[in-house]
Amino acid sequence: MSGFKKITILVPVYNEERTIKEVLEKVKQAPLPHGLEKEILVVDDDPHIREVICFALEKAGMSTAEAPDGAQALAWLEAGNAD
């Protein structure tokens, strides 16, 4: 891996009181960073969190990949998917 770029995305809280649809609507309205040309690996054991983060990144024009745990994230990296 040649280098890293840090970005921060604030994701609305998802719980029993807020449906995933409501959270995605909030994300649609949020300003997001632009300009990354590399694929971003999103790792989280909660599929809803991954969905929201990937949606936000893709909305900003970025490409995403997902992994539900560290083992799969490492396998993705070892397969040569990272720059």
N, C-alpha and C. Protein backbone atom coordinates (compact mmCIF):
# COMPACT_ATOMS: atom_id res chain seq x y z
N MET A 1 0.85 -1.17 0.00
CA MET A 1 0.00 0.00 0.00
C MET A 1 0.89 1.23 0.00
N SER A 2 0.63 2.10 -0.94
CA SER A 2 1.51 3.25 -1.11
C SER A 2 1.25 4.36 -0.10
N GLY A 3 0.05 4.57 0.32
CA GLY A 3 -0.23 5.64 1.26
C GLY A 3 -1.69 5.63 1.66
N PHE A 4 -2.00 6.49 2.59
CA PHE A 4 -3.36 6.53 3.08
C PHE A 4 -3.86 7.96 3.03
N LYS A 5 -5.13 8.12 2.84
CA LYS A 5 -5.77 9.42 2.93
C LYS A 5 -6.89 9.28 3.94
N LYS A 6 -6.89 10.12 4.93
CA LYS A 6 -7.91 10.04 5.98
C LYS A 6 -9.09 10.93 5.60
N ILE A 7 -10.27 10.35 5.68
CA ILE A 7 -11.49 11.13 5.52
C ILE A 7 -12.38 10.83 6.72
N THR A 8 -13.23 11.77 7.04
CA THR A 8 -14.15 11.59 8.15
C THR A 8 -15.57 11.75 7.63
N ILE A 9 -16.40 10.76 7.93
CA ILE A 9 -17.81 10.83 7.57
C ILE A 9 -18.60 10.60 8.85
N LEU A 10 -19.46 11.53 9.17
CA LEU A 10 -20.32 11.38 10.33
C LEU A 10 -21.60 10.68 9.87
N VAL A 11 -21.87 9.54 10.46
CA VAL A 11 -23.02 8.73 10.08
C VAL A 11 -24.10 8.87 11.14
N PRO A 12 -25.34 9.16 10.72
CA PRO A 12 -26.42 9.27 11.71
C PRO A 12 -26.59 7.96 12.48
N VAL A 13 -27.03 8.09 13.70
CA VAL A 13 -27.22 6.93 14.57
C VAL A 13 -28.33 6.05 14.02
N TYR A 14 -28.07 4.75 14.02
CA TYR A 14 -29.06 3.76 13.60
C TYR A 14 -29.44 2.95 14.83
N ASN A 15 -30.71 2.93 15.15
CA ASN A 15 -31.19 2.12 16.27
C ASN A 15 -32.66 1.77 16.02
N GLU A 16 -33.31 1.22 17.01
CA GLU A 16 -34.69 0.80 16.84
C GLU A 16 -35.61 1.97 16.50
N GLU A 17 -35.24 3.17 16.92
CA GLU A 17 -36.10 4.32 16.70
C GLU A 17 -35.92 4.92 15.31
N ARG A 18 -34.80 4.63 14.67
CA ARG A 18 -34.55 5.14 13.34
C ARG A 18 -34.36 3.95 12.40
N THR A 19 -35.15 3.90 11.38
CA THR A 19 -35.01 2.80 10.42
C THR A 19 -33.82 3.09 9.51
N ILE A 20 -33.33 2.06 8.86
CA ILE A 20 -32.22 2.23 7.94
C ILE A 20 -32.62 3.19 6.82
N LYS A 21 -33.89 3.18 6.41
CA LYS A 21 -34.37 4.09 5.37
C LYS A 21 -34.24 5.54 5.83
N GLU A 22 -34.59 5.82 7.09
CA GLU A 22 -34.46 7.17 7.62
C GLU A 22 -33.00 7.62 7.66
N VAL A 23 -32.12 6.71 8.05
CA VAL A 23 -30.69 7.03 8.10
C VAL A 23 -30.17 7.32 6.70
N LEU A 24 -30.56 6.50 5.71
CA LEU A 24 -30.11 6.74 4.34
C LEU A 24 -30.62 8.08 3.81
N GLU A 25 -31.82 8.48 4.19
CA GLU A 25 -32.34 9.79 3.78
C GLU A 25 -31.48 10.91 4.35
N LYS A 26 -31.04 10.77 5.61
CA LYS A 26 -30.15 11.77 6.22
C LYS A 26 -28.83 11.83 5.47
N VAL A 27 -28.29 10.68 5.11
CA VAL A 27 -27.02 10.63 4.39
C VAL A 27 -27.16 11.30 3.03
N LYS A 28 -28.28 11.11 2.37
CA LYS A 28 -28.49 11.73 1.06
C LYS A 28 -28.39 13.25 1.13
N GLN A 29 -28.74 13.82 2.27
CA GLN A 29 -28.75 15.27 2.44
C GLN A 29 -27.41 15.83 2.93
N ALA A 30 -26.51 14.97 3.36
CA ALA A 30 -25.26 15.43 3.98
C ALA A 30 -24.21 15.79 2.95
N PRO A 31 -23.42 16.84 3.22
CA PRO A 31 -22.27 17.14 2.35
C PRO A 31 -21.19 16.09 2.58
N LEU A 32 -20.58 15.62 1.51
CA LEU A 32 -19.59 14.56 1.61
C LEU A 32 -18.32 14.94 0.87
N PRO A 33 -17.19 14.35 1.25
CA PRO A 33 -15.93 14.65 0.57
C PRO A 33 -15.94 14.12 -0.86
N HIS A 34 -15.20 14.76 -1.72
CA HIS A 34 -15.06 14.33 -3.11
C HIS A 34 -13.58 14.23 -3.45
N GLY A 35 -13.27 13.52 -4.52
CA GLY A 35 -11.92 13.56 -5.03
C GLY A 35 -11.07 12.33 -4.82
N LEU A 36 -11.56 11.31 -4.15
CA LEU A 36 -10.76 10.10 -4.00
C LEU A 36 -10.97 9.22 -5.23
N GLU A 37 -9.90 8.70 -5.78
CA GLU A 37 -10.01 7.89 -6.99
C GLU A 37 -9.76 6.42 -6.72
N LYS A 38 -9.53 6.05 -5.50
CA LYS A 38 -9.23 4.66 -5.15
C LYS A 38 -10.43 4.00 -4.51
N GLU A 39 -10.42 2.68 -4.53
CA GLU A 39 -11.50 1.93 -3.88
C GLU A 39 -11.30 1.95 -2.37
N ILE A 40 -12.38 2.11 -1.65
CA ILE A 40 -12.34 2.17 -0.19
C ILE A 40 -12.96 0.89 0.37
N LEU A 41 -12.24 0.23 1.26
CA LEU A 41 -12.73 -0.96 1.91
C LEU A 41 -13.44 -0.56 3.20
N VAL A 42 -14.71 -0.90 3.29
CA VAL A 42 -15.53 -0.59 4.47
C VAL A 42 -15.66 -1.88 5.28
N VAL A 43 -15.18 -1.85 6.52
CA VAL A 43 -15.20 -3.03 7.38
C VAL A 43 -16.05 -2.75 8.61
N ASP A 44 -17.11 -3.53 8.78
CA ASP A 44 -17.95 -3.43 9.97
C ASP A 44 -18.78 -4.70 10.04
N ASP A 45 -19.02 -5.18 11.25
CA ASP A 45 -19.79 -6.41 11.39
C ASP A 45 -21.29 -6.18 11.24
N ASP A 46 -21.73 -4.94 11.28
CA ASP A 46 -23.14 -4.63 11.10
C ASP A 46 -23.42 -4.30 9.64
N PRO A 47 -24.21 -5.11 8.94
CA PRO A 47 -24.45 -4.86 7.52
C PRO A 47 -25.16 -3.53 7.25
N HIS A 48 -25.96 -3.06 8.21
CA HIS A 48 -26.64 -1.78 8.02
C HIS A 48 -25.64 -0.63 8.04
N ILE A 49 -24.68 -0.69 8.94
CA ILE A 49 -23.64 0.34 9.01
C ILE A 49 -22.83 0.34 7.72
N ARG A 50 -22.44 -0.85 7.25
CA ARG A 50 -21.70 -0.93 5.98
C ARG A 50 -22.52 -0.33 4.84
N GLU A 51 -23.81 -0.63 4.83
CA GLU A 51 -24.67 -0.11 3.76
C GLU A 51 -24.70 1.42 3.77
N VAL A 52 -24.86 2.00 4.94
CA VAL A 52 -24.92 3.46 5.04
C VAL A 52 -23.60 4.10 4.64
N ILE A 53 -22.50 3.55 5.12
CA ILE A 53 -21.19 4.13 4.80
C ILE A 53 -20.90 3.97 3.31
N CYS A 54 -21.15 2.80 2.76
CA CYS A 54 -20.93 2.59 1.32
C CYS A 54 -21.81 3.52 0.49
N PHE A 55 -23.06 3.67 0.90
CA PHE A 55 -23.98 4.56 0.20
C PHE A 55 -23.42 5.99 0.18
N ALA A 56 -22.96 6.45 1.35
CA ALA A 56 -22.41 7.81 1.45
C ALA A 56 -21.18 7.98 0.57
N LEU A 57 -20.29 7.02 0.60
CA LEU A 57 -19.07 7.10 -0.21
C LEU A 57 -19.38 7.04 -1.70
N GLU A 58 -20.29 6.16 -2.09
CA GLU A 58 -20.66 6.04 -3.50
C GLU A 58 -21.39 7.29 -3.98
N LYS A 59 -22.18 7.89 -3.10
CA LYS A 59 -22.86 9.15 -3.43
C LYS A 59 -21.83 10.24 -3.76
N ALA A 60 -20.70 10.17 -3.09
CA ALA A 60 -19.63 11.14 -3.32
C ALA A 60 -18.73 10.74 -4.49
N GLY A 61 -19.14 9.69 -5.22
CA GLY A 61 -18.40 9.29 -6.41
C GLY A 61 -17.24 8.35 -6.16
N MET A 62 -17.21 7.72 -5.02
CA MET A 62 -16.11 6.82 -4.70
C MET A 62 -16.53 5.37 -4.90
N SER A 63 -15.58 4.51 -5.13
CA SER A 63 -15.82 3.08 -5.30
C SER A 63 -15.60 2.40 -3.95
N THR A 64 -16.45 1.43 -3.62
CA THR A 64 -16.33 0.76 -2.33
C THR A 64 -16.29 -0.75 -2.47
N ALA A 65 -15.70 -1.37 -1.48
CA ALA A 65 -15.75 -2.82 -1.28
C ALA A 65 -16.13 -3.01 0.18
N GLU A 66 -16.71 -4.17 0.50
CA GLU A 66 -17.16 -4.41 1.87
C GLU A 66 -16.56 -5.68 2.45
N ALA A 67 -16.33 -5.66 3.75
CA ALA A 67 -15.91 -6.85 4.49
C ALA A 67 -16.62 -6.83 5.84
N PRO A 68 -17.20 -7.97 6.24
CA PRO A 68 -17.92 -8.02 7.51
C PRO A 68 -17.04 -8.21 8.74
N ASP A 69 -15.75 -8.50 8.52
CA ASP A 69 -14.87 -8.71 9.67
C ASP A 69 -13.41 -8.52 9.25
N GLY A 70 -12.54 -8.52 10.24
CA GLY A 70 -11.12 -8.31 9.98
C GLY A 70 -10.49 -9.39 9.13
N ALA A 71 -10.91 -10.63 9.31
CA ALA A 71 -10.34 -11.73 8.53
C ALA A 71 -10.63 -11.54 7.04
N GLN A 72 -11.85 -11.17 6.71
CA GLN A 72 -12.18 -10.95 5.31
C GLN A 72 -11.52 -9.69 4.76
N ALA A 73 -11.34 -8.70 5.61
CA ALA A 73 -10.64 -7.49 5.19
C ALA A 73 -9.18 -7.82 4.84
N LEU A 74 -8.54 -8.61 5.70
CA LEU A 74 -7.15 -9.02 5.41
C LEU A 74 -7.07 -9.87 4.15
N ALA A 75 -8.03 -10.75 3.94
CA ALA A 75 -8.05 -11.57 2.73
C ALA A 75 -8.18 -10.68 1.50
N TRP A 76 -9.01 -9.64 1.59
CA TRP A 76 -9.17 -8.70 0.49
C TRP A 76 -7.85 -7.98 0.18
N LEU A 77 -7.16 -7.58 1.24
CA LEU A 77 -5.86 -6.91 1.07
C LEU A 77 -4.82 -7.86 0.49
N GLU A 78 -4.78 -9.08 1.03
CA GLU A 78 -3.79 -10.07 0.57
C GLU A 78 -4.04 -10.51 -0.87
N ALA A 79 -5.28 -10.38 -1.34
CA ALA A 79 -5.61 -10.73 -2.72
C ALA A 79 -5.12 -9.67 -3.70
N GLY A 80 -4.52 -8.62 -3.17
CA GLY A 80 -3.97 -7.58 -4.04
C GLY A 80 -4.97 -6.53 -4.47
N ASN A 81 -6.04 -6.39 -3.74
CA ASN A 81 -7.06 -5.42 -4.12
C ASN A 81 -6.71 -3.99 -3.68
N ALA A 82 -5.72 -3.83 -2.83
CA ALA A 82 -5.34 -2.50 -2.35
C ALA A 82 -4.21 -1.94 -3.20
N ASP A 83 -4.21 -0.63 -3.34
CA ASP A 83 -3.13 0.05 -4.07
C ASP A 83 -1.89 0.16 -3.19
